[in-house]
Amino acid sequence: MKVFVNEKEVSVFAGACAKDAVRQFLCQCGEDAGALSAFVIYDSYGHEIGEDSPLRENQSITIEKTK
């Protein structure tokens, strides 16, 4: 399944949730995938979503590092 994290395409398995896409994104960027808790996840409308939020094909999410 194809989703977008910070406008970059990420491939995840069908039924993946937000944390799966963020982990894959972090790995692709050479970041520590274990640092997931250091990020806040937003949907395409700018609403904060949980790590366990289900994703659908071509969905876009944005992550921001917490302070």
PDB file of N, CA and C in Angstrom:
ATOM      1  N   MET A   1       0.859  -1.168   0.000  1.00  0.00           N
ATOM      2  CA  MET A   1       0.000   0.000   0.000  1.00  0.00           C
ATOM      3  C   MET A   1       0.908   1.235   0.000  1.00  0.00           C
ATOM      4  N   LYS A   2       0.526   2.227  -0.776  1.00  0.00           N
ATOM      5  CA  LYS A   2       1.312   3.452  -0.896  1.00  0.00           C
ATOM      6  C   LYS A   2       0.652   4.555  -0.075  1.00  0.00           C
ATOM      7  N   VAL A   3       1.437   5.191   0.797  1.00  0.00           N
ATOM      8  CA  VAL A   3       0.986   6.350   1.557  1.00  0.00           C
ATOM      9  C   VAL A   3       2.080   7.414   1.465  1.00  0.00           C
ATOM     10  N   PHE A   4       1.785   8.598   1.955  1.00  0.00           N
ATOM     11  CA  PHE A   4       2.759   9.683   1.907  1.00  0.00           C
ATOM     12  C   PHE A   4       2.988  10.228   3.308  1.00  0.00           C
ATOM     13  N   VAL A   5       4.263  10.350   3.657  1.00  0.00           N
ATOM     14  CA  VAL A   5       4.656  10.938   4.937  1.00  0.00           C
ATOM     15  C   VAL A   5       5.527  12.140   4.600  1.00  0.00           C
ATOM     16  N   ASN A   6       5.108  13.310   5.046  1.00  0.00           N
ATOM     17  CA  ASN A   6       5.814  14.560   4.729  1.00  0.00           C
ATOM     18  C   ASN A   6       6.093  14.657   3.228  1.00  0.00           C
ATOM     19  N   GLU A   7       5.090  14.296   2.433  1.00  0.00           N
ATOM     20  CA  GLU A   7       5.103  14.381   0.970  1.00  0.00           C
ATOM     21  C   GLU A   7       6.037  13.383   0.291  1.00  0.00           C
ATOM     22  N   LYS A   8       6.597  12.435   1.050  1.00  0.00           N
ATOM     23  CA  LYS A   8       7.432  11.389   0.461  1.00  0.00           C
ATOM     24  C   LYS A   8       6.648  10.086   0.432  1.00  0.00           C
ATOM     25  N   GLU A   9       6.721   9.402  -0.698  1.00  0.00           N
ATOM     26  CA  GLU A   9       6.004   8.133  -0.835  1.00  0.00           C
ATOM     27  C   GLU A   9       6.657   7.056   0.030  1.00  0.00           C
ATOM     28  N   VAL A  10       5.818   6.311   0.721  1.00  0.00           N
ATOM     29  CA  VAL A  10       6.266   5.226   1.586  1.00  0.00           C
ATOM     30  C   VAL A  10       5.396   4.010   1.284  1.00  0.00           C
ATOM     31  N   SER A  11       6.022   2.851   1.144  1.00  0.00           N
ATOM     32  CA  SER A  11       5.273   1.608   0.926  1.00  0.00           C
ATOM     33  C   SER A  11       5.129   0.878   2.247  1.00  0.00           C
ATOM     34  N   VAL A  12       3.904   0.550   2.593  1.00  0.00           N
ATOM     35  CA  VAL A  12       3.608  -0.206   3.808  1.00  0.00           C
ATOM     36  C   VAL A  12       2.623  -1.323   3.461  1.00  0.00           C
ATOM     37  N   PHE A  13       2.473  -2.267   4.356  1.00  0.00           N
ATOM     38  CA  PHE A  13       1.568  -3.392   4.131  1.00  0.00           C
ATOM     39  C   PHE A  13       0.112  -2.946   4.260  1.00  0.00           C
ATOM     40  N   ALA A  14      -0.787  -3.650   3.594  1.00  0.00           N
ATOM     41  CA  ALA A  14      -2.220  -3.359   3.706  1.00  0.00           C
ATOM     42  C   ALA A  14      -2.643  -3.527   5.152  1.00  0.00           C
ATOM     43  N   GLY A  15      -3.401  -2.593   5.655  1.00  0.00           N
ATOM     44  CA  GLY A  15      -3.835  -2.631   7.048  1.00  0.00           C
ATOM     45  C   GLY A  15      -2.884  -1.920   7.994  1.00  0.00           C
ATOM     46  N   ALA A  16      -1.877  -1.260   7.439  1.00  0.00           N
ATOM     47  CA  ALA A  16      -0.896  -0.551   8.273  1.00  0.00           C
ATOM     48  C   ALA A  16      -1.544   0.635   8.972  1.00  0.00           C
ATOM     49  N   CYS A  17      -0.953   1.014  10.086  1.00  0.00           N
ATOM     50  CA  CYS A  17      -1.420   2.195  10.802  1.00  0.00           C
ATOM     51  C   CYS A  17      -0.337   3.270  10.734  1.00  0.00           C
ATOM     52  N   ALA A  18      -0.632   4.425  11.283  1.00  0.00           N
ATOM     53  CA  ALA A  18       0.251   5.584  11.168  1.00  0.00           C
ATOM     54  C   ALA A  18       1.666   5.280  11.653  1.00  0.00           C
ATOM     55  N   LYS A  19       1.803   4.567  12.761  1.00  0.00           N
ATOM     56  CA  LYS A  19       3.146   4.301  13.289  1.00  0.00           C
ATOM     57  C   LYS A  19       3.966   3.448  12.330  1.00  0.00           C
ATOM     58  N   ASP A  20       3.327   2.550  11.585  1.00  0.00           N
ATOM     59  CA  ASP A  20       4.049   1.728  10.623  1.00  0.00           C
ATOM     60  C   ASP A  20       4.623   2.587   9.498  1.00  0.00           C
ATOM     61  N   ALA A  21       3.832   3.525   9.014  1.00  0.00           N
ATOM     62  CA  ALA A  21       4.284   4.423   7.951  1.00  0.00           C
ATOM     63  C   ALA A  21       5.396   5.338   8.450  1.00  0.00           C
ATOM     64  N   VAL A  22       5.265   5.836   9.666  1.00  0.00           N
ATOM     65  CA  VAL A  22       6.291   6.726  10.218  1.00  0.00           C
ATOM     66  C   VAL A  22       7.590   5.960  10.407  1.00  0.00           C
ATOM     67  N   ARG A  23       7.534   4.750  10.913  1.00  0.00           N
ATOM     68  CA  ARG A  23       8.757   3.935  11.073  1.00  0.00           C
ATOM     69  C   ARG A  23       9.437   3.714   9.735  1.00  0.00           C
ATOM     70  N   GLN A  24       8.653   3.372   8.716  1.00  0.00           N
ATOM     71  CA  GLN A  24       9.212   3.148   7.382  1.00  0.00           C
ATOM     72  C   GLN A  24       9.842   4.430   6.850  1.00  0.00           C
ATOM     73  N   PHE A  25       9.165   5.544   7.033  1.00  0.00           N
ATOM     74  CA  PHE A  25       9.675   6.849   6.604  1.00  0.00           C
ATOM     75  C   PHE A  25      11.002   7.161   7.296  1.00  0.00           C
ATOM     76  N   LEU A  26      11.052   6.969   8.607  1.00  0.00           N
ATOM     77  CA  LEU A  26      12.274   7.251   9.357  1.00  0.00           C
ATOM     78  C   LEU A  26      13.426   6.378   8.879  1.00  0.00           C
ATOM     79  N   CYS A  27      13.150   5.111   8.592  1.00  0.00           N
ATOM     80  CA  CYS A  27      14.188   4.212   8.080  1.00  0.00           C
ATOM     81  C   CYS A  27      14.692   4.692   6.724  1.00  0.00           C
ATOM     82  N   GLN A  28      13.790   5.118   5.856  1.00  0.00           N
ATOM     83  CA  GLN A  28      14.176   5.609   4.534  1.00  0.00           C
ATOM     84  C   GLN A  28      15.034   6.871   4.635  1.00  0.00           C
ATOM     85  N   CYS A  29      14.818   7.647   5.667  1.00  0.00           N
ATOM     86  CA  CYS A  29      15.576   8.894   5.865  1.00  0.00           C
ATOM     87  C   CYS A  29      16.848   8.683   6.676  1.00  0.00           C
ATOM     88  N   GLY A  30      17.105   7.447   7.086  1.00  0.00           N
ATOM     89  CA  GLY A  30      18.292   7.144   7.869  1.00  0.00           C
ATOM     90  C   GLY A  30      18.181   7.527   9.329  1.00  0.00           C
ATOM     91  N   GLU A  31      16.963   7.738   9.786  1.00  0.00           N
ATOM     92  CA  GLU A  31      16.717   8.103  11.187  1.00  0.00           C
ATOM     93  C   GLU A  31      16.462   6.851  12.017  1.00  0.00           C
ATOM     94  N   ASP A  32      16.534   6.984  13.320  1.00  0.00           N
ATOM     95  CA  ASP A  32      16.248   5.887  14.241  1.00  0.00           C
ATOM     96  C   ASP A  32      14.741   5.658  14.298  1.00  0.00           C
ATOM     97  N   ALA A  33      14.299   4.499  13.813  1.00  0.00           N
ATOM     98  CA  ALA A  33      12.861   4.188  13.806  1.00  0.00           C
ATOM     99  C   ALA A  33      12.314   4.038  15.215  1.00  0.00           C
ATOM    100  N   GLY A  34      13.166   3.849  16.193  1.00  0.00           N
ATOM    101  CA  GLY A  34      12.731   3.746  17.579  1.00  0.00           C
ATOM    102  C   GLY A  34      12.388   5.090  18.185  1.00  0.00           C
ATOM    103  N   ALA A  35      12.651   6.153  17.446  1.00  0.00           N
ATOM    104  CA  ALA A  35      12.402   7.511  17.944  1.00  0.00           C
ATOM    105  C   ALA A  35      10.984   7.977  17.654  1.00  0.00           C
ATOM    106  N   LEU A  36      10.089   7.050  17.381  1.00  0.00           N
ATOM    107  CA  LEU A  36       8.713   7.364  17.017  1.00  0.00           C
ATOM    108  C   LEU A  36       8.031   8.275  18.030  1.00  0.00           C
ATOM    109  N   SER A  37       8.303   8.064  19.306  1.00  0.00           N
ATOM    110  CA  SER A  37       7.648   8.861  20.348  1.00  0.00           C
ATOM    111  C   SER A  37       8.079  10.325  20.327  1.00  0.00           C
ATOM    112  N   ALA A  38       9.120  10.642  19.567  1.00  0.00           N
ATOM    113  CA  ALA A  38       9.599  12.026  19.476  1.00  0.00           C
ATOM    114  C   ALA A  38       8.853  12.826  18.412  1.00  0.00           C
ATOM    115  N   PHE A  39       7.821  12.216  17.800  1.00  0.00           N
ATOM    116  CA  PHE A  39       7.094  12.870  16.717  1.00  0.00           C
ATOM    117  C   PHE A  39       5.601  12.939  17.016  1.00  0.00           C
ATOM    118  N   VAL A  40       4.974  13.988  16.494  1.00  0.00           N
ATOM    119  CA  VAL A  40       3.523  14.125  16.522  1.00  0.00           C
ATOM    120  C   VAL A  40       3.060  13.882  15.088  1.00  0.00           C
ATOM    121  N   ILE A  41       1.967  13.148  14.919  1.00  0.00           N
ATOM    122  CA  ILE A  41       1.469  12.768  13.599  1.00  0.00           C
ATOM    123  C   ILE A  41       0.179  13.542  13.316  1.00  0.00           C
ATOM    124  N   TYR A  42       0.088  14.106  12.109  1.00  0.00           N
ATOM    125  CA  TYR A  42      -1.088  14.865  11.692  1.00  0.00           C
ATOM    126  C   TYR A  42      -1.665  14.282  10.403  1.00  0.00           C
ATOM    127  N   ASP A  43      -2.985  14.347  10.270  1.00  0.00           N
ATOM    128  CA  ASP A  43      -3.614  13.926   9.019  1.00  0.00           C
ATOM    129  C   ASP A  43      -3.526  15.066   8.006  1.00  0.00           C
ATOM    130  N   SER A  44      -4.097  14.871   6.837  1.00  0.00           N
ATOM    131  CA  SER A  44      -3.991  15.862   5.764  1.00  0.00           C
ATOM    132  C   SER A  44      -4.750  17.153   6.070  1.00  0.00           C
ATOM    133  N   TYR A  45      -5.597  17.133   7.101  1.00  0.00           N
ATOM    134  CA  TYR A  45      -6.332  18.327   7.504  1.00  0.00           C
ATOM    135  C   TYR A  45      -5.647  19.077   8.636  1.00  0.00           C
ATOM    136  N   GLY A  46      -4.506  18.545   9.106  1.00  0.00           N
ATOM    137  CA  GLY A  46      -3.774  19.188  10.186  1.00  0.00           C
ATOM    138  C   GLY A  46      -4.211  18.778  11.574  1.00  0.00           C
ATOM    139  N   HIS A  47      -5.062  17.749  11.647  1.00  0.00           N
ATOM    140  CA  HIS A  47      -5.524  17.252  12.947  1.00  0.00           C
ATOM    141  C   HIS A  47      -4.555  16.195  13.461  1.00  0.00           C
ATOM    142  N   GLU A  48      -4.226  16.286  14.731  1.00  0.00           N
ATOM    143  CA  GLU A  48      -3.350  15.288  15.330  1.00  0.00           C
ATOM    144  C   GLU A  48      -4.064  13.938  15.361  1.00  0.00           C
ATOM    145  N   ILE A  49      -3.331  12.893  14.974  1.00  0.00           N
ATOM    146  CA  ILE A  49      -3.893  11.540  14.996  1.00  0.00           C
ATOM    147  C   ILE A  49      -3.003  10.642  15.846  1.00  0.00           C
ATOM    148  N   GLY A  50      -3.563   9.556  16.310  1.00  0.00           N
ATOM    149  CA  GLY A  50      -2.820   8.609  17.126  1.00  0.00           C
ATOM    150  C   GLY A  50      -1.951   7.688  16.296  1.00  0.00           C
ATOM    151  N   GLU A  51      -0.972   7.090  16.935  1.00  0.00           N
ATOM    152  CA  GLU A  51      -0.070   6.155  16.267  1.00  0.00           C
ATOM    153  C   GLU A  51      -0.817   4.966  15.683  1.00  0.00           C
ATOM    154  N   ASP A  52      -1.917   4.581  16.303  1.00  0.00           N
ATOM    155  CA  ASP A  52      -2.670   3.410  15.862  1.00  0.00           C
ATOM    156  C   ASP A  52      -3.774   3.736  14.866  1.00  0.00           C
ATOM    157  N   SER A  53      -3.793   4.956  14.363  1.00  0.00           N
ATOM    158  CA  SER A  53      -4.805   5.338  13.379  1.00  0.00           C
ATOM    159  C   SER A  53      -4.596   4.558  12.086  1.00  0.00           C
ATOM    160  N   PRO A  54      -5.646   3.932  11.573  1.00  0.00           N
ATOM    161  CA  PRO A  54      -5.508   3.159  10.332  1.00  0.00           C
ATOM    162  C   PRO A  54      -5.273   4.084   9.139  1.00  0.00           C
ATOM    163  N   LEU A  55      -4.543   3.568   8.170  1.00  0.00           N
ATOM    164  CA  LEU A  55      -4.272   4.322   6.946  1.00  0.00           C
ATOM    165  C   LEU A  55      -4.952   3.660   5.764  1.00  0.00           C
ATOM    166  N   ARG A  56      -5.161   4.432   4.717  1.00  0.00           N
ATOM    167  CA  ARG A  56      -5.729   3.897   3.488  1.00  0.00           C
ATOM    168  C   ARG A  56      -4.791   4.272   2.329  1.00  0.00           C
ATOM    169  N   GLU A  57      -4.970   3.615   1.215  1.00  0.00           N
ATOM    170  CA  GLU A  57      -4.149   3.850   0.024  1.00  0.00           C
ATOM    171  C   GLU A  57      -4.110   5.341  -0.325  1.00  0.00           C
ATOM    172  N   ASN A  58      -2.916   5.844  -0.615  1.00  0.00           N
ATOM    173  CA  ASN A  58      -2.664   7.233  -1.030  1.00  0.00           C
ATOM    174  C   ASN A  58      -2.942   8.284   0.042  1.00  0.00           C
ATOM    175  N   GLN A  59      -3.110   7.877   1.279  1.00  0.00           N
ATOM    176  CA  GLN A  59      -3.333   8.841   2.355  1.00  0.00           C
ATOM    177  C   GLN A  59      -2.049   9.600   2.651  1.00  0.00           C
ATOM    178  N   SER A  60      -2.179  10.859   3.017  1.00  0.00           N
ATOM    179  CA  SER A  60      -1.043  11.695   3.372  1.00  0.00           C
ATOM    180  C   SER A  60      -1.087  12.025   4.855  1.00  0.00           C
ATOM    181  N   ILE A  61       0.054  11.879   5.505  1.00  0.00           N
ATOM    182  CA  ILE A  61       0.205  12.299   6.889  1.00  0.00           C
ATOM    183  C   ILE A  61       1.461  13.144   6.988  1.00  0.00           C
ATOM    184  N   THR A  62       1.544  13.924   8.039  1.00  0.00           N
ATOM    185  CA  THR A  62       2.696  14.779   8.285  1.00  0.00           C
ATOM    186  C   THR A  62       3.188  14.506   9.691  1.00  0.00           C
ATOM    187  N   ILE A  63       4.502  14.505   9.852  1.00  0.00           N
ATOM    188  CA  ILE A  63       5.053  14.351  11.199  1.00  0.00           C
ATOM    189  C   ILE A  63       5.905  15.565  11.519  1.00  0.00           C
ATOM    190  N   GLU A  64       5.908  15.910  12.796  1.00  0.00           N
ATOM    191  CA  GLU A  64       6.736  16.988  13.301  1.00  0.00           C
ATOM    192  C   GLU A  64       7.399  16.511  14.577  1.00  0.00           C
ATOM    193  N   LYS A  65       8.654  16.859  14.712  1.00  0.00           N
ATOM    194  CA  LYS A  65       9.400  16.488  15.915  1.00  0.00           C
ATOM    195  C   LYS A  65       8.908  17.328  17.089  1.00  0.00           C
ATOM    196  N   THR A  66       8.695  16.687  18.219  1.00  0.00           N
ATOM    197  CA  THR A  66       8.286  17.415  19.413  1.00  0.00           C
ATOM    198  C   THR A  66       9.505  18.120  19.998  1.00  0.00           C
ATOM    199  N   LYS A  67       9.249  19.102  20.816  1.00  0.00           N
ATOM    200  CA  LYS A  67      10.364  19.882  21.396  1.00  0.00           C
ATOM    201  C   LYS A  67      10.898  19.259  22.635  1.00  0.00           C
TER     202      LYS A  67
END
